[in-house]
Amino acid sequence: MNRKIRLPINGIVVFIILAGTVFFASCEKYSFVVETVNPVDSVHFKLVIQPMLNRKCASCHSGSKDPDLRSAYSYESLTTGGYVNLPAENSKLYTKVISSGHTAFTLPEEKLKILYWIAQGARNNK
């Protein structure tokens, strides 16, 4: 009474195909469109830089930590506090943004916008 149970090969193949289809169909694919930043385009402080500072920086730099990056104070705090100067790559603001302590808070294209804004003269434009 020693019987061997043989599983039909076709059933196993079908099971594997169905399991693989369910497994791979359940995976979500995310695609991110990386924003490109043109160094020739004007970077506007009030339209680009300040909203970024509000989202990314103002929670920590809200008056108790220098520079004060709240909307009413940020431009003056950055320009009179020595945070923006040329060459832009060496400015205090840009070097802080790319430093290991701050790099996780901004995306690469946001860092470029800050760099280009400083290189364009760090104007308080609209």
PDB file of N, CA and C in Angstrom:
ATOM      1  N   MET A   1       0.812  -1.181   0.000  1.00  0.00           N
ATOM      2  CA  MET A   1       0.000   0.000   0.000  1.00  0.00           C
ATOM      3  C   MET A   1       0.861   1.253   0.000  1.00  0.00           C
ATOM      4  N   ASN A   2       1.879   1.170  -0.586  1.00  0.00           N
ATOM      5  CA  ASN A   2       2.774   2.309  -0.694  1.00  0.00           C
ATOM      6  C   ASN A   2       2.456   3.063  -1.986  1.00  0.00           C
ATOM      7  N   ARG A   3       1.553   3.994  -1.908  1.00  0.00           N
ATOM      8  CA  ARG A   3       1.185   4.741  -3.104  1.00  0.00           C
ATOM      9  C   ARG A   3       1.876   6.100  -3.130  1.00  0.00           C
ATOM     10  N   LYS A   4       2.279   6.470  -4.272  1.00  0.00           N
ATOM     11  CA  LYS A   4       2.860   7.801  -4.464  1.00  0.00           C
ATOM     12  C   LYS A   4       1.788   8.707  -5.043  1.00  0.00           C
ATOM     13  N   ILE A   5       1.696   9.862  -4.474  1.00  0.00           N
ATOM     14  CA  ILE A   5       0.725  10.825  -4.975  1.00  0.00           C
ATOM     15  C   ILE A   5       1.429  11.704  -6.000  1.00  0.00           C
ATOM     16  N   ARG A   6       0.875  11.718  -7.160  1.00  0.00           N
ATOM     17  CA  ARG A   6       1.459  12.522  -8.225  1.00  0.00           C
ATOM     18  C   ARG A   6       0.552  13.718  -8.465  1.00  0.00           C
ATOM     19  N   LEU A   7       1.130  14.869  -8.342  1.00  0.00           N
ATOM     20  CA  LEU A   7       0.384  16.088  -8.627  1.00  0.00           C
ATOM     21  C   LEU A   7       0.482  16.375 -10.109  1.00  0.00           C
ATOM     22  N   PRO A   8      -0.611  16.735 -10.682  1.00  0.00           N
ATOM     23  CA  PRO A   8      -0.545  17.038 -12.121  1.00  0.00           C
ATOM     24  C   PRO A   8       0.310  18.279 -12.377  1.00  0.00           C
ATOM     25  N   ILE A   9       1.243  18.156 -13.276  1.00  0.00           N
ATOM     26  CA  ILE A   9       2.150  19.236 -13.635  1.00  0.00           C
ATOM     27  C   ILE A   9       1.381  20.444 -14.150  1.00  0.00           C
ATOM     28  N   ASN A  10       0.363  20.213 -14.924  1.00  0.00           N
ATOM     29  CA  ASN A  10      -0.415  21.334 -15.464  1.00  0.00           C
ATOM     30  C   ASN A  10      -1.037  22.171 -14.355  1.00  0.00           C
ATOM     31  N   GLY A  11      -1.528  21.533 -13.317  1.00  0.00           N
ATOM     32  CA  GLY A  11      -2.136  22.255 -12.193  1.00  0.00           C
ATOM     33  C   GLY A  11      -1.118  23.115 -11.465  1.00  0.00           C
ATOM     34  N   ILE A  12       0.077  22.607 -11.289  1.00  0.00           N
ATOM     35  CA  ILE A  12       1.136  23.366 -10.613  1.00  0.00           C
ATOM     36  C   ILE A  12       1.542  24.567 -11.451  1.00  0.00           C
ATOM     37  N   VAL A  13       1.693  24.380 -12.737  1.00  0.00           N
ATOM     38  CA  VAL A  13       2.078  25.477 -13.628  1.00  0.00           C
ATOM     39  C   VAL A  13       1.016  26.570 -13.620  1.00  0.00           C
ATOM     40  N   VAL A  14      -0.242  26.160 -13.700  1.00  0.00           N
ATOM     41  CA  VAL A  14      -1.331  27.141 -13.678  1.00  0.00           C
ATOM     42  C   VAL A  14      -1.327  27.895 -12.354  1.00  0.00           C
ATOM     43  N   PHE A  15      -1.139  27.172 -11.250  1.00  0.00           N
ATOM     44  CA  PHE A  15      -1.092  27.827  -9.938  1.00  0.00           C
ATOM     45  C   PHE A  15       0.038  28.841  -9.862  1.00  0.00           C
ATOM     46  N   ILE A  16       1.201  28.501 -10.334  1.00  0.00           N
ATOM     47  CA  ILE A  16       2.352  29.415 -10.304  1.00  0.00           C
ATOM     48  C   ILE A  16       2.085  30.647 -11.166  1.00  0.00           C
ATOM     49  N   ILE A  17       1.509  30.453 -12.321  1.00  0.00           N
ATOM     50  CA  ILE A  17       1.212  31.592 -13.199  1.00  0.00           C
ATOM     51  C   ILE A  17       0.188  32.519 -12.553  1.00  0.00           C
ATOM     52  N   LEU A  18      -0.863  31.932 -11.979  1.00  0.00           N
ATOM     53  CA  LEU A  18      -1.878  32.758 -11.311  1.00  0.00           C
ATOM     54  C   LEU A  18      -1.306  33.492 -10.099  1.00  0.00           C
ATOM     55  N   ALA A  19      -0.512  32.793  -9.306  1.00  0.00           N
ATOM     56  CA  ALA A  19       0.093  33.421  -8.129  1.00  0.00           C
ATOM     57  C   ALA A  19       1.031  34.547  -8.543  1.00  0.00           C
ATOM     58  N   GLY A  20       1.806  34.311  -9.582  1.00  0.00           N
ATOM     59  CA  GLY A  20       2.714  35.361 -10.074  1.00  0.00           C
ATOM     60  C   GLY A  20       1.956  36.549 -10.612  1.00  0.00           C
ATOM     61  N   THR A  21       0.860  36.305 -11.310  1.00  0.00           N
ATOM     62  CA  THR A  21       0.052  37.403 -11.850  1.00  0.00           C
ATOM     63  C   THR A  21      -0.543  38.241 -10.728  1.00  0.00           C
ATOM     64  N   VAL A  22      -1.081  37.585  -9.722  1.00  0.00           N
ATOM     65  CA  VAL A  22      -1.653  38.308  -8.582  1.00  0.00           C
ATOM     66  C   VAL A  22      -0.568  39.088  -7.849  1.00  0.00           C
ATOM     67  N   PHE A  23       0.591  38.466  -7.650  1.00  0.00           N
ATOM     68  CA  PHE A  23       1.688  39.130  -6.939  1.00  0.00           C
ATOM     69  C   PHE A  23       2.160  40.379  -7.679  1.00  0.00           C
ATOM     70  N   PHE A  24       2.417  40.251  -8.957  1.00  0.00           N
ATOM     71  CA  PHE A  24       2.939  41.390  -9.704  1.00  0.00           C
ATOM     72  C   PHE A  24       1.876  42.431 -10.002  1.00  0.00           C
ATOM     73  N   ALA A  25       0.626  42.027 -10.088  1.00  0.00           N
ATOM     74  CA  ALA A  25      -0.448  42.990 -10.324  1.00  0.00           C
ATOM     75  C   ALA A  25      -0.699  43.834  -9.094  1.00  0.00           C
ATOM     76  N   SER A  26      -0.332  43.335  -7.920  1.00  0.00           N
ATOM     77  CA  SER A  26      -0.574  44.086  -6.701  1.00  0.00           C
ATOM     78  C   SER A  26       0.502  45.134  -6.438  1.00  0.00           C
ATOM     79  N   CYS A  27       1.586  45.075  -7.147  1.00  0.00           N
ATOM     80  CA  CYS A  27       2.658  46.046  -6.964  1.00  0.00           C
ATOM     81  C   CYS A  27       2.235  47.388  -7.553  1.00  0.00           C
ATOM     82  N   GLU A  28       2.497  48.425  -6.803  1.00  0.00           N
ATOM     83  CA  GLU A  28       2.211  49.755  -7.311  1.00  0.00           C
ATOM     84  C   GLU A  28       3.482  50.327  -7.901  1.00  0.00           C
ATOM     85  N   LYS A  29       3.305  50.993  -8.987  1.00  0.00           N
ATOM     86  CA  LYS A  29       4.446  51.649  -9.612  1.00  0.00           C
ATOM     87  C   LYS A  29       4.282  53.138  -9.442  1.00  0.00           C
ATOM     88  N   TYR A  30       5.286  53.754  -8.895  1.00  0.00           N
ATOM     89  CA  TYR A  30       5.269  55.187  -8.704  1.00  0.00           C
ATOM     90  C   TYR A  30       6.216  55.812  -9.706  1.00  0.00           C
ATOM     91  N   SER A  31       5.774  56.858 -10.289  1.00  0.00           N
ATOM     92  CA  SER A  31       6.670  57.591 -11.167  1.00  0.00           C
ATOM     93  C   SER A  31       6.667  59.043 -10.719  1.00  0.00           C
ATOM     94  N   PHE A  32       7.826  59.595 -10.637  1.00  0.00           N
ATOM     95  CA  PHE A  32       7.989  60.964 -10.211  1.00  0.00           C
ATOM     96  C   PHE A  32       8.553  61.771 -11.366  1.00  0.00           C
ATOM     97  N   VAL A  33       7.962  62.885 -11.584  1.00  0.00           N
ATOM     98  CA  VAL A  33       8.477  63.778 -12.603  1.00  0.00           C
ATOM     99  C   VAL A  33       9.437  64.729 -11.903  1.00  0.00           C
ATOM    100  N   VAL A  34      10.677  64.655 -12.279  1.00  0.00           N
ATOM    101  CA  VAL A  34      11.683  65.510 -11.681  1.00  0.00           C
ATOM    102  C   VAL A  34      11.609  66.873 -12.357  1.00  0.00           C
ATOM    103  N   GLU A  35      11.425  67.859 -11.546  1.00  0.00           N
ATOM    104  CA  GLU A  35      11.320  69.215 -12.061  1.00  0.00           C
ATOM    105  C   GLU A  35      12.697  69.676 -12.512  1.00  0.00           C
ATOM    106  N   THR A  36      12.741  70.297 -13.654  1.00  0.00           N
ATOM    107  CA  THR A  36      14.005  70.849 -14.126  1.00  0.00           C
ATOM    108  C   THR A  36      14.020  72.335 -13.821  1.00  0.00           C
ATOM    109  N   VAL A  37      15.178  72.823 -13.489  1.00  0.00           N
ATOM    110  CA  VAL A  37      15.337  74.224 -13.143  1.00  0.00           C
ATOM    111  C   VAL A  37      16.285  74.838 -14.149  1.00  0.00           C
ATOM    112  N   ASN A  38      15.812  75.844 -14.842  1.00  0.00           N
ATOM    113  CA  ASN A  38      16.609  76.528 -15.845  1.00  0.00           C
ATOM    114  C   ASN A  38      17.341  77.689 -15.174  1.00  0.00           C
ATOM    115  N   PRO A  39      18.664  77.721 -15.232  1.00  0.00           N
ATOM    116  CA  PRO A  39      19.414  78.793 -14.567  1.00  0.00           C
ATOM    117  C   PRO A  39      19.174  80.168 -15.182  1.00  0.00           C
ATOM    118  N   VAL A  40      18.606  80.217 -16.373  1.00  0.00           N
ATOM    119  CA  VAL A  40      18.358  81.497 -17.032  1.00  0.00           C
ATOM    120  C   VAL A  40      17.051  82.122 -16.538  1.00  0.00           C
ATOM    121  N   ASP A  41      16.080  81.289 -16.153  1.00  0.00           N
ATOM    122  CA  ASP A  41      14.802  81.812 -15.671  1.00  0.00           C
ATOM    123  C   ASP A  41      14.981  82.548 -14.347  1.00  0.00           C
ATOM    124  N   SER A  42      14.250  83.633 -14.194  1.00  0.00           N
ATOM    125  CA  SER A  42      14.298  84.381 -12.938  1.00  0.00           C
ATOM    126  C   SER A  42      13.640  83.573 -11.834  1.00  0.00           C
ATOM    127  N   VAL A  43      14.307  83.522 -10.704  1.00  0.00           N
ATOM    128  CA  VAL A  43      13.734  82.865  -9.526  1.00  0.00           C
ATOM    129  C   VAL A  43      13.219  83.985  -8.632  1.00  0.00           C
ATOM    130  N   HIS A  44      11.926  84.005  -8.420  1.00  0.00           N
ATOM    131  CA  HIS A  44      11.281  85.076  -7.665  1.00  0.00           C
ATOM    132  C   HIS A  44      11.193  84.702  -6.194  1.00  0.00           C
ATOM    133  N   PHE A  45      11.596  85.637  -5.358  1.00  0.00           N
ATOM    134  CA  PHE A  45      11.615  85.377  -3.926  1.00  0.00           C
ATOM    135  C   PHE A  45      10.221  85.099  -3.382  1.00  0.00           C
ATOM    136  N   LYS A  46       9.271  85.982  -3.651  1.00  0.00           N
ATOM    137  CA  LYS A  46       7.938  85.841  -3.050  1.00  0.00           C
ATOM    138  C   LYS A  46       7.121  84.708  -3.659  1.00  0.00           C
ATOM    139  N   LEU A  47       7.393  84.347  -4.898  1.00  0.00           N
ATOM    140  CA  LEU A  47       6.622  83.286  -5.543  1.00  0.00           C
ATOM    141  C   LEU A  47       7.258  81.903  -5.407  1.00  0.00           C
ATOM    142  N   VAL A  48       8.572  81.853  -5.274  1.00  0.00           N
ATOM    143  CA  VAL A  48       9.271  80.567  -5.274  1.00  0.00           C
ATOM    144  C   VAL A  48       9.994  80.301  -3.951  1.00  0.00           C
ATOM    145  N   ILE A  49      10.860  81.223  -3.554  1.00  0.00           N
ATOM    146  CA  ILE A  49      11.717  80.993  -2.385  1.00  0.00           C
ATOM    147  C   ILE A  49      10.924  81.033  -1.085  1.00  0.00           C
ATOM    148  N   GLN A  50      10.119  82.070  -0.881  1.00  0.00           N
ATOM    149  CA  GLN A  50       9.390  82.180   0.384  1.00  0.00           C
ATOM    150  C   GLN A  50       8.414  81.032   0.617  1.00  0.00           C
ATOM    151  N   PRO A  51       7.622  80.615  -0.385  1.00  0.00           N
ATOM    152  CA  PRO A  51       6.765  79.442  -0.143  1.00  0.00           C
ATOM    153  C   PRO A  51       7.568  78.184   0.236  1.00  0.00           C
ATOM    154  N   MET A  52       8.742  78.033  -0.367  1.00  0.00           N
ATOM    155  CA  MET A  52       9.606  76.902  -0.026  1.00  0.00           C
ATOM    156  C   MET A  52      10.091  77.028   1.420  1.00  0.00           C
ATOM    157  N   LEU A  53      10.491  78.225   1.809  1.00  0.00           N
ATOM    158  CA  LEU A  53      10.931  78.448   3.187  1.00  0.00           C
ATOM    159  C   LEU A  53       9.785  78.185   4.162  1.00  0.00           C
ATOM    160  N   ASN A  54       8.582  78.595   3.789  1.00  0.00           N
ATOM    161  CA  ASN A  54       7.420  78.361   4.656  1.00  0.00           C
ATOM    162  C   ASN A  54       7.173  76.867   4.858  1.00  0.00           C
ATOM    163  N   ARG A  55       7.266  76.092   3.778  1.00  0.00           N
ATOM    164  CA  ARG A  55       7.004  74.651   3.844  1.00  0.00           C
ATOM    165  C   ARG A  55       8.118  73.870   4.515  1.00  0.00           C
ATOM    166  N   LYS A  56       9.345  74.254   4.253  1.00  0.00           N
ATOM    167  CA  LYS A  56      10.472  73.408   4.634  1.00  0.00           C
ATOM    168  C   LYS A  56      11.270  73.906   5.839  1.00  0.00           C
ATOM    169  N   CYS A  57      11.279  75.212   6.077  1.00  0.00           N
ATOM    170  CA  CYS A  57      12.252  75.765   7.019  1.00  0.00           C
ATOM    171  C   CYS A  57      11.652  76.523   8.202  1.00  0.00           C
ATOM    172  N   ALA A  58      10.520  77.169   7.980  1.00  0.00           N
ATOM    173  CA  ALA A  58       9.986  78.089   8.985  1.00  0.00           C
ATOM    174  C   ALA A  58       9.568  77.406  10.278  1.00  0.00           C
ATOM    175  N   SER A  59       9.298  76.116  10.250  1.00  0.00           N
ATOM    176  CA  SER A  59       8.909  75.444  11.488  1.00  0.00           C
ATOM    177  C   SER A  59      10.049  75.453  12.508  1.00  0.00           C
ATOM    178  N   CYS A  60      11.276  75.368  12.057  1.00  0.00           N
ATOM    179  CA  CYS A  60      12.427  75.443  12.969  1.00  0.00           C
ATOM    180  C   CYS A  60      12.961  76.863  13.089  1.00  0.00           C
ATOM    181  N   HIS A  61      12.981  77.578  11.975  1.00  0.00           N
ATOM    182  CA  HIS A  61      13.532  78.939  11.945  1.00  0.00           C
ATOM    183  C   HIS A  61      12.383  79.942  12.035  1.00  0.00           C
ATOM    184  N   SER A  62      11.736  79.955  13.189  1.00  0.00           N
ATOM    185  CA  SER A  62      10.570  80.822  13.347  1.00  0.00           C
ATOM    186  C   SER A  62      10.789  81.900  14.400  1.00  0.00           C
ATOM    187  N   GLY A  63      11.962  82.438  14.445  1.00  0.00           N
ATOM    188  CA  GLY A  63      12.250  83.532  15.351  1.00  0.00           C
ATOM    189  C   GLY A  63      13.229  83.172  16.449  1.00  0.00           C
ATOM    190  N   SER A  64      13.198  81.944  16.909  1.00  0.00           N
ATOM    191  CA  SER A  64      14.101  81.557  17.988  1.00  0.00           C
ATOM    192  C   SER A  64      15.439  81.042  17.469  1.00  0.00           C
ATOM    193  N   LYS A  65      15.489  80.684  16.198  1.00  0.00           N
ATOM    194  CA  LYS A  65      16.725  80.178  15.590  1.00  0.00           C
ATOM    195  C   LYS A  65      17.037  81.035  14.375  1.00  0.00           C
ATOM    196  N   ASP A  66      18.261  81.499  14.301  1.00  0.00           N
ATOM    197  CA  ASP A  66      18.686  82.372  13.216  1.00  0.00           C
ATOM    198  C   ASP A  66      18.945  81.554  11.958  1.00  0.00           C
ATOM    199  N   PRO A  67      18.577  81.995  10.788  1.00  0.00           N
ATOM    200  CA  PRO A  67      17.819  83.200  10.459  1.00  0.00           C
ATOM    201  C   PRO A  67      16.316  82.979  10.664  1.00  0.00           C
ATOM    202  N   ASP A  68      15.619  84.063  10.898  1.00  0.00           N
ATOM    203  CA  ASP A  68      14.169  84.024  11.054  1.00  0.00           C
ATOM    204  C   ASP A  68      13.554  83.924   9.662  1.00  0.00           C
ATOM    205  N   LEU A  69      12.939  82.810   9.350  1.00  0.00           N
ATOM    206  CA  LEU A  69      12.438  82.560   7.999  1.00  0.00           C
ATOM    207  C   LEU A  69      10.919  82.672   7.883  1.00  0.00           C
ATOM    208  N   ARG A  70      10.305  83.306   8.855  1.00  0.00           N
ATOM    209  CA  ARG A  70       8.874  83.586   8.730  1.00  0.00           C
ATOM    210  C   ARG A  70       8.679  84.626   7.640  1.00  0.00           C
ATOM    211  N   SER A  71       7.537  84.602   7.003  1.00  0.00           N
ATOM    212  CA  SER A  71       7.266  85.437   5.824  1.00  0.00           C
ATOM    213  C   SER A  71       7.606  86.909   6.016  1.00  0.00           C
ATOM    214  N   ALA A  72       7.257  87.464   7.133  1.00  0.00           N
ATOM    215  CA  ALA A  72       7.457  88.894   7.348  1.00  0.00           C
ATOM    216  C   ALA A  72       8.923  89.268   7.580  1.00  0.00           C
ATOM    217  N   TYR A  73       9.755  88.309   7.933  1.00  0.00           N
ATOM    218  CA  TYR A  73      11.128  88.619   8.335  1.00  0.00           C
ATOM    219  C   TYR A  73      12.210  87.963   7.491  1.00  0.00           C
ATOM    220  N   SER A  74      11.858  86.997   6.679  1.00  0.00           N
ATOM    221  CA  SER A  74      12.875  86.156   6.033  1.00  0.00           C
ATOM    222  C   SER A  74      13.809  86.914   5.102  1.00  0.00           C
ATOM    223  N   TYR A  75      13.259  87.755   4.231  1.00  0.00           N
ATOM    224  CA  TYR A  75      14.130  88.422   3.269  1.00  0.00           C
ATOM    225  C   TYR A  75      15.168  89.287   3.981  1.00  0.00           C
ATOM    226  N   GLU A  76      14.721  90.088   4.916  1.00  0.00           N
ATOM    227  CA  GLU A  76      15.657  90.955   5.654  1.00  0.00           C
ATOM    228  C   GLU A  76      16.632  90.131   6.480  1.00  0.00           C
ATOM    229  N   SER A  77      16.145  89.074   7.087  1.00  0.00           N
ATOM    230  CA  SER A  77      17.008  88.219   7.890  1.00  0.00           C
ATOM    231  C   SER A  77      18.102  87.563   7.052  1.00  0.00           C
ATOM    232  N   LEU A  78      17.749  87.145   5.847  1.00  0.00           N
ATOM    233  CA  LEU A  78      18.735  86.509   4.969  1.00  0.00           C
ATOM    234  C   LEU A  78      19.731  87.510   4.404  1.00  0.00           C
ATOM    235  N   THR A  79      19.237  88.671   3.974  1.00  0.00           N
ATOM    236  CA  THR A  79      20.129  89.623   3.304  1.00  0.00           C
ATOM    237  C   THR A  79      20.980  90.435   4.276  1.00  0.00           C
ATOM    238  N   THR A  80      20.444  90.791   5.424  1.00  0.00           N
ATOM    239  CA  THR A  80      21.252  91.566   6.373  1.00  0.00           C
ATOM    240  C   THR A  80      22.054  90.670   7.311  1.00  0.00           C
ATOM    241  N   GLY A  81      21.696  89.403   7.383  1.00  0.00           N
ATOM    242  CA  GLY A  81      22.395  88.481   8.271  1.00  0.00           C
ATOM    243  C   GLY A  81      23.581  87.792   7.634  1.00  0.00           C
ATOM    244  N   GLY A  82      23.909  88.167   6.405  1.00  0.00           N
ATOM    245  CA  GLY A  82      25.068  87.590   5.737  1.00  0.00           C
ATOM    246  C   GLY A  82      24.847  86.193   5.188  1.00  0.00           C
ATOM    247  N   TYR A  83      23.614  85.836   4.922  1.00  0.00           N
ATOM    248  CA  TYR A  83      23.325  84.501   4.412  1.00  0.00           C
ATOM    249  C   TYR A  83      23.370  84.412   2.894  1.00  0.00           C
ATOM    250  N   VAL A  84      23.232  85.533   2.221  1.00  0.00           N
ATOM    251  CA  VAL A  84      23.280  85.528   0.757  1.00  0.00           C
ATOM    252  C   VAL A  84      24.383  86.469   0.286  1.00  0.00           C
ATOM    253  N   ASN A  85      25.348  85.898  -0.371  1.00  0.00           N
ATOM    254  CA  ASN A  85      26.448  86.671  -0.953  1.00  0.00           C
ATOM    255  C   ASN A  85      27.019  85.887  -2.128  1.00  0.00           C
ATOM    256  N   LEU A  86      27.766  86.559  -2.930  1.00  0.00           N
ATOM    257  CA  LEU A  86      28.355  85.939  -4.113  1.00  0.00           C
ATOM    258  C   LEU A  86      29.791  85.527  -3.826  1.00  0.00           C
ATOM    259  N   PRO A  87      30.275  84.484  -4.420  1.00  0.00           N
ATOM    260  CA  PRO A  87      29.596  83.568  -5.322  1.00  0.00           C
ATOM    261  C   PRO A  87      28.546  82.755  -4.569  1.00  0.00           C
ATOM    262  N   ALA A  88      27.472  82.471  -5.270  1.00  0.00           N
ATOM    263  CA  ALA A  88      26.314  81.822  -4.660  1.00  0.00           C
ATOM    264  C   ALA A  88      26.668  80.461  -4.059  1.00  0.00           C
ATOM    265  N   GLU A  89      27.591  79.745  -4.681  1.00  0.00           N
ATOM    266  CA  GLU A  89      27.977  78.421  -4.184  1.00  0.00           C
ATOM    267  C   GLU A  89      28.596  78.481  -2.797  1.00  0.00           C
ATOM    268  N   ASN A  90      29.166  79.642  -2.448  1.00  0.00           N
ATOM    269  CA  ASN A  90      29.814  79.808  -1.156  1.00  0.00           C
ATOM    270  C   ASN A  90      28.963  80.580  -0.152  1.00  0.00           C
ATOM    271  N   SER A  91      27.767  80.974  -0.545  1.00  0.00           N
ATOM    272  CA  SER A  91      26.931  81.744   0.373  1.00  0.00           C
ATOM    273  C   SER A  91      26.523  80.871   1.552  1.00  0.00           C
ATOM    274  N   LYS A  92      26.296  81.506   2.670  1.00  0.00           N
ATOM    275  CA  LYS A  92      25.971  80.794   3.897  1.00  0.00           C
ATOM    276  C   LYS A  92      24.650  80.026   3.767  1.00  0.00           C
ATOM    277  N   LEU A  93      23.658  80.626   3.118  1.00  0.00           N
ATOM    278  CA  LEU A  93      22.365  79.950   2.952  1.00  0.00           C
ATOM    279  C   LEU A  93      22.521  78.678   2.117  1.00  0.00           C
ATOM    280  N   TYR A  94      23.177  78.778   0.990  1.00  0.00           N
ATOM    281  CA  TYR A  94      23.332  77.608   0.117  1.00  0.00           C
ATOM    282  C   TYR A  94      24.175  76.522   0.780  1.00  0.00           C
ATOM    283  N   THR A  95      25.260  76.889   1.424  1.00  0.00           N
ATOM    284  CA  THR A  95      26.092  75.871   2.083  1.00  0.00           C
ATOM    285  C   THR A  95      25.343  75.191   3.225  1.00  0.00           C
ATOM    286  N   LYS A  96      24.462  75.927   3.905  1.00  0.00           N
ATOM    287  CA  LYS A  96      23.640  75.313   4.955  1.00  0.00           C
ATOM    288  C   LYS A  96      22.641  74.334   4.350  1.00  0.00           C
ATOM    289  N   VAL A  97      22.012  74.728   3.248  1.00  0.00           N
ATOM    290  CA  VAL A  97      20.985  73.896   2.622  1.00  0.00           C
ATOM    291  C   VAL A  97      21.575  72.575   2.113  1.00  0.00           C
ATOM    292  N   ILE A  98      22.804  72.602   1.639  1.00  0.00           N
ATOM    293  CA  ILE A  98      23.416  71.371   1.126  1.00  0.00           C
ATOM    294  C   ILE A  98      24.229  70.623   2.178  1.00  0.00           C
ATOM    295  N   SER A  99      24.321  71.174   3.390  1.00  0.00           N
ATOM    296  CA  SER A  99      25.086  70.502   4.449  1.00  0.00           C
ATOM    297  C   SER A  99      24.355  69.256   4.924  1.00  0.00           C
ATOM    298  N   SER A 100      25.070  68.380   5.561  1.00  0.00           N
ATOM    299  CA  SER A 100      24.484  67.107   5.998  1.00  0.00           C
ATOM    300  C   SER A 100      23.333  67.305   6.978  1.00  0.00           C
ATOM    301  N   GLY A 101      23.346  68.367   7.755  1.00  0.00           N
ATOM    302  CA  GLY A 101      22.280  68.608   8.716  1.00  0.00           C
ATOM    303  C   GLY A 101      20.989  69.103   8.105  1.00  0.00           C
ATOM    304  N   HIS A 102      21.056  69.664   6.901  1.00  0.00           N
ATOM    305  CA  HIS A 102      19.878  70.251   6.277  1.00  0.00           C
ATOM    306  C   HIS A 102      19.503  69.624   4.931  1.00  0.00           C
ATOM    307  N   THR A 103      20.336  68.810   4.366  1.00  0.00           N
ATOM    308  CA  THR A 103      20.117  68.331   3.000  1.00  0.00           C
ATOM    309  C   THR A 103      18.838  67.524   2.836  1.00  0.00           C
ATOM    310  N   ALA A 104      18.388  66.846   3.868  1.00  0.00           N
ATOM    311  CA  ALA A 104      17.188  66.020   3.758  1.00  0.00           C
ATOM    312  C   ALA A 104      15.905  66.841   3.688  1.00  0.00           C
ATOM    313  N   PHE A 105      15.979  68.105   4.024  1.00  0.00           N
ATOM    314  CA  PHE A 105      14.768  68.921   4.068  1.00  0.00           C
ATOM    315  C   PHE A 105      14.356  69.471   2.708  1.00  0.00           C
ATOM    316  N   THR A 106      15.263  69.486   1.751  1.00  0.00           N
ATOM    317  CA  THR A 106      14.942  70.053   0.444  1.00  0.00           C
ATOM    318  C   THR A 106      15.318  69.092  -0.669  1.00  0.00           C
ATOM    319  N   LEU A 107      14.585  69.186  -1.756  1.00  0.00           N
ATOM    320  CA  LEU A 107      14.854  68.386  -2.942  1.00  0.00           C
ATOM    321  C   LEU A 107      15.981  69.026  -3.748  1.00  0.00           C
ATOM    322  N   PRO A 108      16.638  68.270  -4.618  1.00  0.00           N
ATOM    323  CA  PRO A 108      17.724  68.838  -5.415  1.00  0.00           C
ATOM    324  C   PRO A 108      17.301  70.062  -6.232  1.00  0.00           C
ATOM    325  N   GLU A 109      16.087  70.047  -6.821  1.00  0.00           N
ATOM    326  CA  GLU A 109      15.662  71.199  -7.604  1.00  0.00           C
ATOM    327  C   GLU A 109      15.381  72.409  -6.710  1.00  0.00           C
ATOM    328  N   GLU A 110      14.996  72.196  -5.462  1.00  0.00           N
ATOM    329  CA  GLU A 110      14.806  73.315  -4.536  1.00  0.00           C
ATOM    330  C   GLU A 110      16.152  73.930  -4.162  1.00  0.00           C
ATOM    331  N   LYS A 111      17.143  73.090  -3.992  1.00  0.00           N
ATOM    332  CA  LYS A 111      18.497  73.595  -3.719  1.00  0.00           C
ATOM    333  C   LYS A 111      18.985  74.451  -4.888  1.00  0.00           C
ATOM    334  N   LEU A 112      18.706  73.982  -6.114  1.00  0.00           N
ATOM    335  CA  LEU A 112      19.105  74.750  -7.300  1.00  0.00           C
ATOM    336  C   LEU A 112      18.381  76.094  -7.362  1.00  0.00           C
ATOM    337  N   LYS A 113      17.120  76.117  -7.013  1.00  0.00           N
ATOM    338  CA  LYS A 113      16.374  77.379  -7.023  1.00  0.00           C
ATOM    339  C   LYS A 113      16.987  78.379  -6.048  1.00  0.00           C
ATOM    340  N   ILE A 114      17.374  77.910  -4.886  1.00  0.00           N
ATOM    341  CA  ILE A 114      18.036  78.787  -3.912  1.00  0.00           C
ATOM    342  C   ILE A 114      19.357  79.285  -4.475  1.00  0.00           C
ATOM    343  N   LEU A 115      20.127  78.389  -5.055  1.00  0.00           N
ATOM    344  CA  LEU A 115      21.413  78.762  -5.650  1.00  0.00           C
ATOM    345  C   LEU A 115      21.224  79.807  -6.746  1.00  0.00           C
ATOM    346  N   TYR A 116      20.276  79.575  -7.647  1.00  0.00           N
ATOM    347  CA  TYR A 116      20.050  80.512  -8.757  1.00  0.00           C
ATOM    348  C   TYR A 116      19.497  81.843  -8.266  1.00  0.00           C
ATOM    349  N   TRP A 117      18.641  81.809  -7.255  1.00  0.00           N
ATOM    350  CA  TRP A 117      18.117  83.059  -6.702  1.00  0.00           C
ATOM    351  C   TRP A 117      19.257  83.912  -6.146  1.00  0.00           C
ATOM    352  N   ILE A 118      20.171  83.288  -5.430  1.00  0.00           N
ATOM    353  CA  ILE A 118      21.316  84.025  -4.886  1.00  0.00           C
ATOM    354  C   ILE A 118      22.207  84.533  -6.020  1.00  0.00           C
ATOM    355  N   ALA A 119      22.483  83.666  -7.009  1.00  0.00           N
ATOM    356  CA  ALA A 119      23.334  84.046  -8.140  1.00  0.00           C
ATOM    357  C   ALA A 119      22.733  85.182  -8.948  1.00  0.00           C
ATOM    358  N   GLN A 120      21.402  85.277  -8.970  1.00  0.00           N
ATOM    359  CA  GLN A 120      20.712  86.343  -9.715  1.00  0.00           C
ATOM    360  C   GLN A 120      20.628  87.629  -8.917  1.00  0.00           C
ATOM    361  N   GLY A 121      21.244  87.673  -7.755  1.00  0.00           N
ATOM    362  CA  GLY A 121      21.298  88.905  -6.985  1.00  0.00           C
ATOM    363  C   GLY A 121      20.416  88.914  -5.748  1.00  0.00           C
ATOM    364  N   ALA A 122      19.769  87.804  -5.443  1.00  0.00           N
ATOM    365  CA  ALA A 122      18.931  87.682  -4.245  1.00  0.00           C
ATOM    366  C   ALA A 122      17.972  88.852  -4.105  1.00  0.00           C
ATOM    367  N   ARG A 123      17.251  89.120  -5.204  1.00  0.00           N
ATOM    368  CA  ARG A 123      16.328  90.244  -5.194  1.00  0.00           C
ATOM    369  C   ARG A 123      15.028  89.873  -4.489  1.00  0.00           C
ATOM    370  N   ASN A 124      14.365  90.884  -3.969  1.00  0.00           N
ATOM    371  CA  ASN A 124      13.070  90.712  -3.313  1.00  0.00           C
ATOM    372  C   ASN A 124      11.987  90.975  -4.361  1.00  0.00           C
ATOM    373  N   ASN A 125      11.995  90.195  -5.415  1.00  0.00           N
ATOM    374  CA  ASN A 125      11.067  90.394  -6.512  1.00  0.00           C
ATOM    375  C   ASN A 125       9.790  89.589  -6.303  1.00  0.00           C
ATOM    376  N   LYS A 126       8.792  89.913  -7.095  1.00  0.00           N
ATOM    377  CA  LYS A 126       7.504  89.236  -6.939  1.00  0.00           C
ATOM    378  C   LYS A 126       7.262  88.249  -8.037  1.00  0.00           C
TER     379      LYS A 126
END
